[in-house]
Amino acid sequence: MVCGQCGDPLVKVPLIRPTQIVGLVAAAAFIAPLLLMVFVFIQDQKRPQPRAPLSTMAAVTTSVDVWTCRS
């Protein structure tokens, strides 16, 4: 192909160069853990928190004397 204004030959430039692919892979390597962490955090917030049953809660109503006998 030739330029319509000056007549110079036109060089076809590839749409995606190999350096751009390497850059995208490197950027994805750094961004993917962040996106995964945010996704897991949001999913954890949506899950209802388990309630502890009342029978497992300890209720201390008496005092305990802890004295040791010294010889």
Protein backbone atom coordinates (compact mmCIF):
# COMPACT_ATOMS: atom_id res chain seq x y z
CA MET A 1 0.00 0.00 0.00
CA VAL A 2 1.11 3.53 -0.71
CA CYS A 3 0.28 6.75 1.14
CA GLY A 4 -2.24 8.83 -0.78
CA GLN A 5 -0.66 12.18 0.17
CA CYS A 6 3.09 11.62 -0.12
CA GLY A 7 3.44 8.32 -1.97
CA ASP A 8 5.59 6.61 0.68
CA PRO A 9 5.07 2.89 1.15
CA LEU A 10 2.99 2.05 4.22
CA VAL A 11 4.25 -0.53 6.70
CA LYS A 12 1.68 -2.80 8.29
CA VAL A 13 2.04 -2.71 12.07
CA PRO A 14 0.71 -5.72 14.03
CA LEU A 15 -2.24 -4.96 16.29
CA ILE A 16 -0.74 -6.80 19.29
CA ARG A 17 3.03 -7.03 19.75
CA PRO A 18 4.71 -9.80 21.79
CA THR A 19 5.92 -7.27 24.38
CA GLN A 20 2.31 -6.25 25.00
CA ILE A 21 1.35 -9.88 25.63
CA VAL A 22 4.21 -10.29 28.13
CA GLY A 23 3.16 -7.06 29.84
CA LEU A 24 -0.46 -8.21 30.12
CA VAL A 25 0.61 -11.54 31.62
CA ALA A 26 2.86 -9.78 34.14
CA ALA A 27 0.11 -7.33 35.09
CA ALA A 28 -2.38 -10.19 35.50
CA ALA A 29 0.08 -12.00 37.78
CA PHE A 30 0.08 -9.04 40.16
CA ILE A 31 -3.60 -8.10 39.92
CA ALA A 32 -5.15 -11.61 40.11
CA PRO A 33 -4.36 -12.20 43.83
CA LEU A 34 -5.85 -8.82 44.73
CA LEU A 35 -9.04 -9.53 42.79
CA LEU A 36 -9.28 -13.01 44.31
CA MET A 37 -8.86 -11.59 47.82
CA VAL A 38 -11.60 -9.00 47.25
CA PHE A 39 -13.93 -11.65 45.79
CA VAL A 40 -13.41 -14.02 48.73
CA PHE A 41 -13.88 -11.16 51.22
CA ILE A 42 -17.20 -10.19 49.62
CA GLN A 43 -18.39 -13.80 49.60
CA ASP A 44 -17.43 -14.17 53.27
CA GLN A 45 -19.43 -11.05 54.19
CA LYS A 46 -22.56 -12.45 52.53
CA ARG A 47 -22.40 -15.73 54.49
CA PRO A 48 -24.41 -15.64 57.75
CA GLN A 49 -22.30 -15.89 60.88
CA PRO A 50 -22.94 -19.04 62.95
CA ARG A 51 -24.52 -18.43 66.34
CA ALA A 52 -23.10 -20.18 69.38
CA PRO A 53 -25.68 -22.32 71.21
CA LEU A 54 -26.51 -21.17 74.73
CA SER A 55 -25.76 -24.59 76.24
CA THR A 56 -22.06 -24.22 75.47
CA MET A 57 -21.75 -20.87 77.18
CA ALA A 58 -20.31 -21.13 80.67
CA ALA A 59 -22.10 -19.31 83.44
CA VAL A 60 -20.05 -19.10 86.64
CA THR A 61 -22.26 -18.38 89.63
CA THR A 62 -20.10 -19.57 92.53
CA SER A 63 -16.76 -18.32 93.67
CA VAL A 64 -13.83 -20.68 93.72
CA ASP A 65 -11.10 -20.33 96.35
CA VAL A 66 -7.73 -21.15 95.02
CA TRP A 67 -5.35 -21.43 97.95
CA THR A 68 -2.34 -23.63 97.95
CA CYS A 69 -0.97 -25.28 101.03
CA ARG A 70 2.66 -24.41 101.66
CA SER A 71 4.84 -26.80 103.55
